[in-house]
PDB file of N, CA and C in Angstrom:
ATOM      1  N   MET A   1      76.815  55.768  97.951  1.00  0.00           N
ATOM      2  CA  MET A   1      75.848  56.284  96.871  1.00  0.00           C
ATOM      3  C   MET A   1      75.925  55.780  95.555  1.00  0.00           C
ATOM      4  N   PRO A   2      74.708  55.589  94.887  1.00  0.00           N
ATOM      5  CA  PRO A   2      74.478  55.029  93.508  1.00  0.00           C
ATOM      6  C   PRO A   2      75.973  55.309  92.680  1.00  0.00           C
ATOM      7  N   LYS A   3      75.845  54.404  91.949  1.00  0.00           N
ATOM      8  CA  LYS A   3      77.065  54.185  90.793  1.00  0.00           C
ATOM      9  C   LYS A   3      76.550  54.704  89.305  1.00  0.00           C
ATOM     10  N   GLN A   4      77.069  55.267  88.635  1.00  0.00           N
ATOM     11  CA  GLN A   4      76.669  55.276  87.071  1.00  0.00           C
ATOM     12  C   GLN A   4      77.990  54.979  86.156  1.00  0.00           C
ATOM     13  N   LYS A   5      77.677  53.994  85.201  1.00  0.00           N
ATOM     14  CA  LYS A   5      78.672  53.646  84.345  1.00  0.00           C
ATOM     15  C   LYS A   5      78.600  54.671  83.078  1.00  0.00           C
ATOM     16  N   LEU A   6      80.179  54.766  82.639  1.00  0.00           N
ATOM     17  CA  LEU A   6      80.284  55.847  81.564  1.00  0.00           C
ATOM     18  C   LEU A   6      81.177  55.602  80.619  1.00  0.00           C
ATOM     19  N   THR A   7      81.441  56.111  79.745  1.00  0.00           N
ATOM     20  CA  THR A   7      82.593  55.988  79.285  1.00  0.00           C
ATOM     21  C   THR A   7      83.579  57.347  78.952  1.00  0.00           C
ATOM     22  N   LEU A   8      84.883  57.584  79.056  1.00  0.00           N
ATOM     23  CA  LEU A   8      85.579  58.695  79.225  1.00  0.00           C
ATOM     24  C   LEU A   8      86.401  58.149  78.031  1.00  0.00           C
ATOM     25  N   THR A   9      86.754  59.250  77.508  1.00  0.00           N
ATOM     26  CA  THR A   9      88.022  59.633  76.677  1.00  0.00           C
ATOM     27  C   THR A   9      89.206  60.309  77.591  1.00  0.00           C
ATOM     28  N   LEU A  10      90.712  59.677  77.807  1.00  0.00           N
ATOM     29  CA  LEU A  10      91.615  60.413  78.549  1.00  0.00           C
ATOM     30  C   LEU A  10      92.972  60.085  77.660  1.00  0.00           C
ATOM     31  N   ASP A  11      93.851  61.042  78.253  1.00  0.00           N
ATOM     32  CA  ASP A  11      95.009  60.936  77.706  1.00  0.00           C
ATOM     33  C   ASP A  11      95.319  59.502  78.200  1.00  0.00           C
ATOM     34  N   SER A  12      95.948  58.779  77.188  1.00  0.00           N
ATOM     35  CA  SER A  12      96.608  57.307  77.284  1.00  0.00           C
ATOM     36  C   SER A  12      97.996  57.545  78.293  1.00  0.00           C
ATOM     37  N   GLU A  13      98.796  58.391  78.143  1.00  0.00           N
ATOM     38  CA  GLU A  13      99.894  58.560  79.149  1.00  0.00           C
ATOM     39  C   GLU A  13      99.262  58.895  80.769  1.00  0.00           C
ATOM     40  N   ASN A  14      98.548  59.480  80.728  1.00  0.00           N
ATOM     41  CA  ASN A  14      97.856  59.873  81.935  1.00  0.00           C
ATOM     42  C   ASN A  14      96.988  58.277  82.815  1.00  0.00           C
ATOM     43  N   VAL A  15      96.441  57.756  81.830  1.00  0.00           N
ATOM     44  CA  VAL A  15      96.055  56.422  82.032  1.00  0.00           C
ATOM     45  C   VAL A  15      96.978  55.503  82.475  1.00  0.00           C
ATOM     46  N   GLU A  16      97.786  55.279  81.686  1.00  0.00           N
ATOM     47  CA  GLU A  16      99.031  54.493  82.039  1.00  0.00           C
ATOM     48  C   GLU A  16      99.643  54.572  83.614  1.00  0.00           C
ATOM     49  N   HIS A  17     100.115  55.959  83.403  1.00  0.00           N
ATOM     50  CA  HIS A  17     100.784  56.675  84.593  1.00  0.00           C
ATOM     51  C   HIS A  17      99.586  56.141  86.035  1.00  0.00           C
ATOM     52  N   LEU A  18      98.424  56.433  85.883  1.00  0.00           N
ATOM     53  CA  LEU A  18      97.626  55.981  86.996  1.00  0.00           C
ATOM     54  C   LEU A  18      97.454  54.611  87.470  1.00  0.00           C
ATOM     55  N   ARG A  19      97.433  53.688  86.310  1.00  0.00           N
ATOM     56  CA  ARG A  19      97.377  52.237  86.569  1.00  0.00           C
ATOM     57  C   ARG A  19      98.619  51.873  87.110  1.00  0.00           C
ATOM     58  N   SER A  20     100.005  52.266  86.932  1.00  0.00           N
ATOM     59  CA  SER A  20     100.975  52.078  87.527  1.00  0.00           C
ATOM     60  C   SER A  20     101.043  52.513  88.852  1.00  0.00           C
ATOM     61  N   LEU A  21     100.226  53.666  89.442  1.00  0.00           N
ATOM     62  CA  LEU A  21     100.359  54.103  90.797  1.00  0.00           C
ATOM     63  C   LEU A  21      99.261  53.295  91.408  1.00  0.00           C
ATOM     64  N   VAL A  22      98.126  52.958  91.005  1.00  0.00           N
ATOM     65  CA  VAL A  22      96.991  52.341  91.858  1.00  0.00           C
ATOM     66  C   VAL A  22      97.233  50.701  91.610  1.00  0.00           C
ATOM     67  N   GLY A  23      97.868  50.211  90.753  1.00  0.00           N
ATOM     68  CA  GLY A  23      98.467  48.667  90.897  1.00  0.00           C
ATOM     69  C   GLY A  23      96.977  48.031  90.486  1.00  0.00           C
ATOM     70  N   ALA A  24      96.573  47.233  91.504  1.00  0.00           N
ATOM     71  CA  ALA A  24      95.487  46.228  91.726  1.00  0.00           C
ATOM     72  C   ALA A  24      94.315  46.827  91.835  1.00  0.00           C
ATOM     73  N   ARG A  25      94.374  47.997  92.716  1.00  0.00           N
ATOM     74  CA  ARG A  25      93.287  48.627  93.180  1.00  0.00           C
ATOM     75  C   ARG A  25      92.493  49.157  91.894  1.00  0.00           C
ATOM     76  N   SER A  26      90.935  49.543  92.049  1.00  0.00           N
ATOM     77  CA  SER A  26      90.219  49.994  91.291  1.00  0.00           C
ATOM     78  C   SER A  26      90.529  51.092  90.377  1.00  0.00           C
ATOM     79  N   LEU A  27      90.631  51.006  89.204  1.00  0.00           N
ATOM     80  CA  LEU A  27      90.969  52.566  88.434  1.00  0.00           C
ATOM     81  C   LEU A  27      89.782  53.429  88.502  1.00  0.00           C
ATOM     82  N   SER A  28      88.851  52.758  88.751  1.00  0.00           N
ATOM     83  CA  SER A  28      87.583  53.490  88.600  1.00  0.00           C
ATOM     84  C   SER A  28      87.411  54.374  89.804  1.00  0.00           C
ATOM     85  N   ALA A  29      87.824  53.511  91.112  1.00  0.00           N
ATOM     86  CA  ALA A  29      87.854  54.047  92.303  1.00  0.00           C
ATOM     87  C   ALA A  29      88.863  55.474  92.312  1.00  0.00           C
ATOM     88  N   ALA A  30      89.844  55.297  91.645  1.00  0.00           N
ATOM     89  CA  ALA A  30      90.871  56.315  91.756  1.00  0.00           C
ATOM     90  C   ALA A  30      90.375  57.517  90.749  1.00  0.00           C
ATOM     91  N   VAL A  31      89.887  57.078  89.809  1.00  0.00           N
ATOM     92  CA  VAL A  31      89.490  58.246  88.790  1.00  0.00           C
ATOM     93  C   VAL A  31      87.891  58.985  89.710  1.00  0.00           C
ATOM     94  N   ASP A  32      87.588  58.189  90.276  1.00  0.00           N
ATOM     95  CA  ASP A  32      86.272  58.943  91.178  1.00  0.00           C
ATOM     96  C   ASP A  32      86.751  60.182  92.356  1.00  0.00           C
ATOM     97  N   SER A  33      87.782  59.587  92.800  1.00  0.00           N
ATOM     98  CA  SER A  33      88.375  60.348  94.183  1.00  0.00           C
ATOM     99  C   SER A  33      88.999  61.384  93.306  1.00  0.00           C
ATOM    100  N   ALA A  34      89.458  61.382  92.032  1.00  0.00           N
ATOM    101  CA  ALA A  34      90.069  62.577  91.496  1.00  0.00           C
ATOM    102  C   ALA A  34      89.003  63.496  91.065  1.00  0.00           C
ATOM    103  N   VAL A  35      87.963  63.033  90.620  1.00  0.00           N
ATOM    104  CA  VAL A  35      86.812  63.595  90.217  1.00  0.00           C
ATOM    105  C   VAL A  35      86.322  64.527  91.598  1.00  0.00           C
ATOM    106  N   GLN A  36      86.438  63.714  92.767  1.00  0.00           N
ATOM    107  CA  GLN A  36      85.565  64.442  93.981  1.00  0.00           C
ATOM    108  C   GLN A  36      86.470  65.714  94.478  1.00  0.00           C
ATOM    109  N   ALA A  37      87.795  65.319  94.127  1.00  0.00           N
ATOM    110  CA  ALA A  37      89.024  66.545  94.951  1.00  0.00           C
ATOM    111  C   ALA A  37      88.426  67.573  93.787  1.00  0.00           C
ATOM    112  N   TYR A  38      88.485  67.310  92.302  1.00  0.00           N
ATOM    113  CA  TYR A  38      88.308  68.479  91.478  1.00  0.00           C
ATOM    114  C   TYR A  38      86.893  69.149  91.823  1.00  0.00           C
ATOM    115  N   LEU A  39      85.983  68.649  91.946  1.00  0.00           N
ATOM    116  CA  LEU A  39      84.825  69.055  92.473  1.00  0.00           C
ATOM    117  C   LEU A  39      84.727  69.814  93.600  1.00  0.00           C
ATOM    118  N   ALA A  40      85.394  69.483  94.825  1.00  0.00           N
ATOM    119  CA  ALA A  40      85.730  70.362  95.793  1.00  0.00           C
ATOM    120  C   ALA A  40      86.460  71.570  95.652  1.00  0.00           C
ATOM    121  N   ARG A  41      87.362  71.517  94.711  1.00  0.00           N
ATOM    122  CA  ARG A  41      87.900  72.368  94.295  1.00  0.00           C
ATOM    123  C   ARG A  41      87.317  73.741  93.676  1.00  0.00           C
ATOM    124  N   LEU A  42      86.495  73.247  92.696  1.00  0.00           N
ATOM    125  CA  LEU A  42      85.615  74.046  92.014  1.00  0.00           C
ATOM    126  C   LEU A  42      84.545  74.760  92.705  1.00  0.00           C
ATOM    127  N   ARG A  43      83.818  73.998  93.836  1.00  0.00           N
ATOM    128  CA  ARG A  43      82.923  74.450  94.800  1.00  0.00           C
ATOM    129  C   ARG A  43      83.597  75.695  95.661  1.00  0.00           C
ATOM    130  N   HIS A  44      85.164  75.489  96.186  1.00  0.00           N
ATOM    131  CA  HIS A  44      85.675  76.428  96.764  1.00  0.00           C
ATOM    132  C   HIS A  44      85.971  77.569  95.937  1.00  0.00           C
ATOM    133  N   LEU A  45      86.438  77.549  94.600  1.00  0.00           N
ATOM    134  CA  LEU A  45      86.586  78.447  93.780  1.00  0.00           C
ATOM    135  C   LEU A  45      85.172  79.363  93.718  1.00  0.00           C
ATOM    136  N   GLN A  46      84.186  78.605  93.310  1.00  0.00           N
ATOM    137  CA  GLN A  46      82.778  79.318  93.518  1.00  0.00           C
ATOM    138  C   GLN A  46      82.408  79.978  94.756  1.00  0.00           C
ATOM    139  N   ALA A  47      82.912  79.524  95.927  1.00  0.00           N
ATOM    140  CA  ALA A  47      82.505  80.022  97.012  1.00  0.00           C
ATOM    141  C   ALA A  47      83.643  81.802  97.386  1.00  0.00           C
ATOM    142  N   VAL A  48      84.684  81.550  96.649  1.00  0.00           N
ATOM    143  CA  VAL A  48      85.897  82.529  96.848  1.00  0.00           C
ATOM    144  C   VAL A  48      85.072  83.716  95.929  1.00  0.00           C
ATOM    145  N   ASP A  49      84.316  83.132  94.750  1.00  0.00           N
ATOM    146  CA  ASP A  49      83.932  84.091  93.827  1.00  0.00           C
ATOM    147  C   ASP A  49      82.508  84.856  94.094  1.00  0.00           C
ATOM    148  N   GLU A  50      81.903  84.000  94.800  1.00  0.00           N
ATOM    149  CA  GLU A  50      80.878  84.506  95.576  1.00  0.00           C
ATOM    150  C   GLU A  50      80.769  85.741  96.945  1.00  0.00           C
ATOM    151  N   TRP A  51      82.200  85.388  97.468  1.00  0.00           N
ATOM    152  CA  TRP A  51      82.339  85.965  98.624  1.00  0.00           C
ATOM    153  C   TRP A  51      83.036  86.985  97.713  1.00  0.00           C
ATOM    154  N   LEU A  52      83.662  87.356  97.146  1.00  0.00           N
ATOM    155  CA  LEU A  52      84.291  88.608  96.383  1.00  0.00           C
ATOM    156  C   LEU A  52      83.285  89.688  95.628  1.00  0.00           C
ATOM    157  N   VAL A  53      82.340  88.748  95.137  1.00  0.00           N
ATOM    158  CA  VAL A  53      81.017  89.711  94.598  1.00  0.00           C
ATOM    159  C   VAL A  53      80.454  90.422  95.899  1.00  0.00           C
ATOM    160  N   GLU A  54      80.412  90.010  97.166  1.00  0.00           N
ATOM    161  CA  GLU A  54      79.933  90.210  98.221  1.00  0.00           C
ATOM    162  C   GLU A  54      80.731  91.171  98.823  1.00  0.00           C
ATOM    163  N   MET A  55      81.891  91.460  98.656  1.00  0.00           N
ATOM    164  CA  MET A  55      82.759  92.222  99.426  1.00  0.00           C
ATOM    165  C   MET A  55      82.887  93.303  98.501  1.00  0.00           C
ATOM    166  N   GLU A  56      82.728  93.353  96.932  1.00  0.00           N
ATOM    167  CA  GLU A  56      82.522  94.486  96.367  1.00  0.00           C
ATOM    168  C   GLU A  56      81.506  95.196  96.256  1.00  0.00           C
ATOM    169  N   ARG A  57      80.055  94.581  96.474  1.00  0.00           N
ATOM    170  CA  ARG A  57      78.859  94.815  96.848  1.00  0.00           C
ATOM    171  C   ARG A  57      78.941  96.005  98.087  1.00  0.00           C
ATOM    172  N   ALA A  58      79.487  95.344  98.903  1.00  0.00           N
ATOM    173  CA  ALA A  58      79.487  96.029 100.574  1.00  0.00           C
ATOM    174  C   ALA A  58      80.643  97.185 100.477  1.00  0.00           C
ATOM    175  N   HIS A  59      81.564  97.051 100.010  1.00  0.00           N
ATOM    176  CA  HIS A  59      82.691  97.845 100.307  1.00  0.00           C
ATOM    177  C   HIS A  59      83.453  98.482  98.911  1.00  0.00           C
ATOM    178  N   GLY A  60      82.877  98.337  97.421  1.00  0.00           N
ATOM    179  CA  GLY A  60      83.430  98.881  96.367  1.00  0.00           C
ATOM    180  C   GLY A  60      84.510  97.684  95.839  1.00  0.00           C
ATOM    181  N   PRO A  61      84.887  98.521  94.493  1.00  0.00           N
ATOM    182  CA  PRO A  61      85.803  97.363  93.865  1.00  0.00           C
ATOM    183  C   PRO A  61      86.880  96.972  94.606  1.00  0.00           C
ATOM    184  N   ILE A  62      87.525  95.905  94.459  1.00  0.00           N
ATOM    185  CA  ILE A  62      88.530  94.962  94.915  1.00  0.00           C
ATOM    186  C   ILE A  62      89.708  95.865  94.348  1.00  0.00           C
ATOM    187  N   PRO A  63      91.062  96.532  94.736  1.00  0.00           N
ATOM    188  CA  PRO A  63      92.148  96.899  94.136  1.00  0.00           C
ATOM    189  C   PRO A  63      92.683  95.806  93.543  1.00  0.00           C
ATOM    190  N   THR A  64      93.136  96.211  92.201  1.00  0.00           N
ATOM    191  CA  THR A  64      93.935  95.326  91.448  1.00  0.00           C
ATOM    192  C   THR A  64      95.188  94.681  92.107  1.00  0.00           C
ATOM    193  N   GLN A  65      96.144  95.561  92.549  1.00  0.00           N
ATOM    194  CA  GLN A  65      96.858  94.922  93.604  1.00  0.00           C
ATOM    195  C   GLN A  65      96.618  93.804  94.663  1.00  0.00           C
ATOM    196  N   SER A  66      95.447  94.077  95.380  1.00  0.00           N
ATOM    197  CA  SER A  66      95.242  93.069  96.178  1.00  0.00           C
ATOM    198  C   SER A  66      94.682  91.765  95.554  1.00  0.00           C
ATOM    199  N   LEU A  67      94.081  91.804  94.639  1.00  0.00           N
ATOM    200  CA  LEU A  67      93.765  90.407  93.735  1.00  0.00           C
ATOM    201  C   LEU A  67      94.783  89.999  93.279  1.00  0.00           C
ATOM    202  N   GLU A  68      95.800  90.551  92.647  1.00  0.00           N
ATOM    203  CA  GLU A  68      97.114  90.205  92.447  1.00  0.00           C
ATOM    204  C   GLU A  68      97.980  89.417  93.382  1.00  0.00           C
ATOM    205  N   TRP A  69      97.872  89.907  94.465  1.00  0.00           N
ATOM    206  CA  TRP A  69      98.376  89.795  96.109  1.00  0.00           C
ATOM    207  C   TRP A  69      97.966  88.316  96.108  1.00  0.00           C
ATOM    208  N   ALA A  70      96.558  88.116  96.248  1.00  0.00           N
ATOM    209  CA  ALA A  70      95.776  87.065  96.753  1.00  0.00           C
ATOM    210  C   ALA A  70      95.737  86.012  95.799  1.00  0.00           C
ATOM    211  N   ALA A  71      96.017  86.011  94.278  1.00  0.00           N
ATOM    212  CA  ALA A  71      96.321  85.155  93.357  1.00  0.00           C
ATOM    213  C   ALA A  71      97.962  84.550  93.454  1.00  0.00           C
ATOM    214  N   ARG A  72      98.860  85.422  94.005  1.00  0.00           N
ATOM    215  CA  ARG A  72     100.057  84.789  94.099  1.00  0.00           C
ATOM    216  C   ARG A  72     100.110  84.031  95.360  1.00  0.00           C
ATOM    217  N   LEU A  73      99.375  84.260  96.492  1.00  0.00           N
ATOM    218  CA  LEU A  73      99.457  83.465  97.409  1.00  0.00           C
ATOM    219  C   LEU A  73      98.904  81.877  97.289  1.00  0.00           C
ATOM    220  N   VAL A  74      97.753  82.227  96.399  1.00  0.00           N
ATOM    221  CA  VAL A  74      97.306  80.733  96.014  1.00  0.00           C
ATOM    222  C   VAL A  74      98.186  79.871  95.176  1.00  0.00           C
ATOM    223  N   GLU A  75      98.710  80.646  94.099  1.00  0.00           N
ATOM    224  CA  GLU A  75      99.747  79.801  93.242  1.00  0.00           C
ATOM    225  C   GLU A  75     100.926  79.494  93.754  1.00  0.00           C
ATOM    226  N   ASN A  76     101.354  79.937  95.120  1.00  0.00           N
ATOM    227  CA  ASN A  76     102.462  79.490  95.677  1.00  0.00           C
ATOM    228  C   ASN A  76     101.942  78.374  96.607  1.00  0.00           C
ATOM    229  N   TRP A  77     100.693  78.466  96.977  1.00  0.00           N
ATOM    230  CA  TRP A  77     100.120  77.207  98.188  1.00  0.00           C
ATOM    231  C   TRP A  77      99.871  76.074  97.160  1.00  0.00           C
ATOM    232  N   GLU A  78      99.392  76.241  95.898  1.00  0.00           N
ATOM    233  CA  GLU A  78      99.292  75.128  95.132  1.00  0.00           C
ATOM    234  C   GLU A  78     100.723  74.295  94.761  1.00  0.00           C
ATOM    235  N   ALA A  79     101.708  75.417  94.428  1.00  0.00           N
ATOM    236  CA  ALA A  79     103.036  74.781  93.796  1.00  0.00           C
ATOM    237  C   ALA A  79     103.575  73.861  94.987  1.00  0.00           C
ATOM    238  N   GLN A  80     103.506  74.814  96.302  1.00  0.00           N
ATOM    239  CA  GLN A  80     103.583  73.627  97.439  1.00  0.00           C
ATOM    240  C   GLN A  80     103.051  72.600  97.424  1.00  0.00           C
ATOM    241  N   ARG A  81     101.663  72.472  97.555  1.00  0.00           N
ATOM    242  CA  ARG A  81     100.969  71.572  97.758  1.00  0.00           C
ATOM    243  C   ARG A  81     101.177  70.256  96.680  1.00  0.00           C
ATOM    244  N   ASN A  82     101.717  70.662  95.208  1.00  0.00           N
ATOM    245  CA  ASN A  82     101.943  69.887  94.314  1.00  0.00           C
ATOM    246  C   ASN A  82     103.225  69.373  94.296  1.00  0.00           C
ATOM    247  N   ALA A  83     104.209  69.956  95.002  1.00  0.00           N
ATOM    248  CA  ALA A  83     105.366  69.536  95.389  1.00  0.00           C
ATOM    249  C   ALA A  83     105.342  68.247  96.169  1.00  0.00           C
ATOM    250  N   ARG A  84     104.765  68.614  97.322  1.00  0.00           N
ATOM    251  CA  ARG A  84     104.598  67.555  98.517  1.00  0.00           C
ATOM    252  C   ARG A  84     104.010  66.244  98.096  1.00  0.00           C
ATOM    253  N   ALA A  85     103.049  66.675  96.856  1.00  0.00           N
ATOM    254  CA  ALA A  85     102.168  65.220  96.464  1.00  0.00           C
ATOM    255  C   ALA A  85     102.963  64.409  95.423  1.00  0.00           C
ATOM    256  N   SER A  86     103.964  65.181  95.062  1.00  0.00           N
ATOM    257  CA  SER A  86     104.959  64.204  94.056  1.00  0.00           C
ATOM    258  C   SER A  86     105.692  63.748  94.631  1.00  0.00           C
ATOM    259  N   LYS A  87     106.150  64.111  95.747  1.00  0.00           N
ATOM    260  CA  LYS A  87     107.227  63.417  96.482  1.00  0.00           C
ATOM    261  C   LYS A  87     106.832  61.809  97.170  1.00  0.00           C
ATOM    262  N   PRO A  88     107.817  60.789  96.671  1.00  0.00           N
ATOM    263  CA  PRO A  88     107.368  59.758  96.898  1.00  0.00           C
ATOM    264  C   PRO A  88     107.116  59.510  98.453  1.00  0.00           C
ATOM    265  N   GLY A  89     106.258  58.808  98.772  1.00  0.00           N
ATOM    266  CA  GLY A  89     105.718  58.421 100.039  1.00  0.00           C
ATOM    267  C   GLY A  89     104.941  59.345 100.598  1.00  0.00           C
ATOM    268  N   VAL A  90     104.420  60.294  99.965  1.00  0.00           N
ATOM    269  CA  VAL A  90     103.580  61.484 100.702  1.00  0.00           C
ATOM    270  C   VAL A  90     102.105  60.975  99.898  1.00  0.00           C
TER     271      VAL A  90
END
């Protein structure tokens, strides 16, 4: 895939932490991987939003309790995923 050079302004603590983790490997490659993961998450969230619109169109408004329940499931899943990702050697 073609590359594009650009300038970014990032939090210095995040940059230093990233550098300590990637070591001699490419900082650009690490940032590119992070952007890919973030874009995948945004695409997923967009697909969920589109699905919810379809469900409301077909079945009427989704009860607030159902949306809150689903949001808690996602929050718990993300917390577990983040906890696993922060463990050394994972």
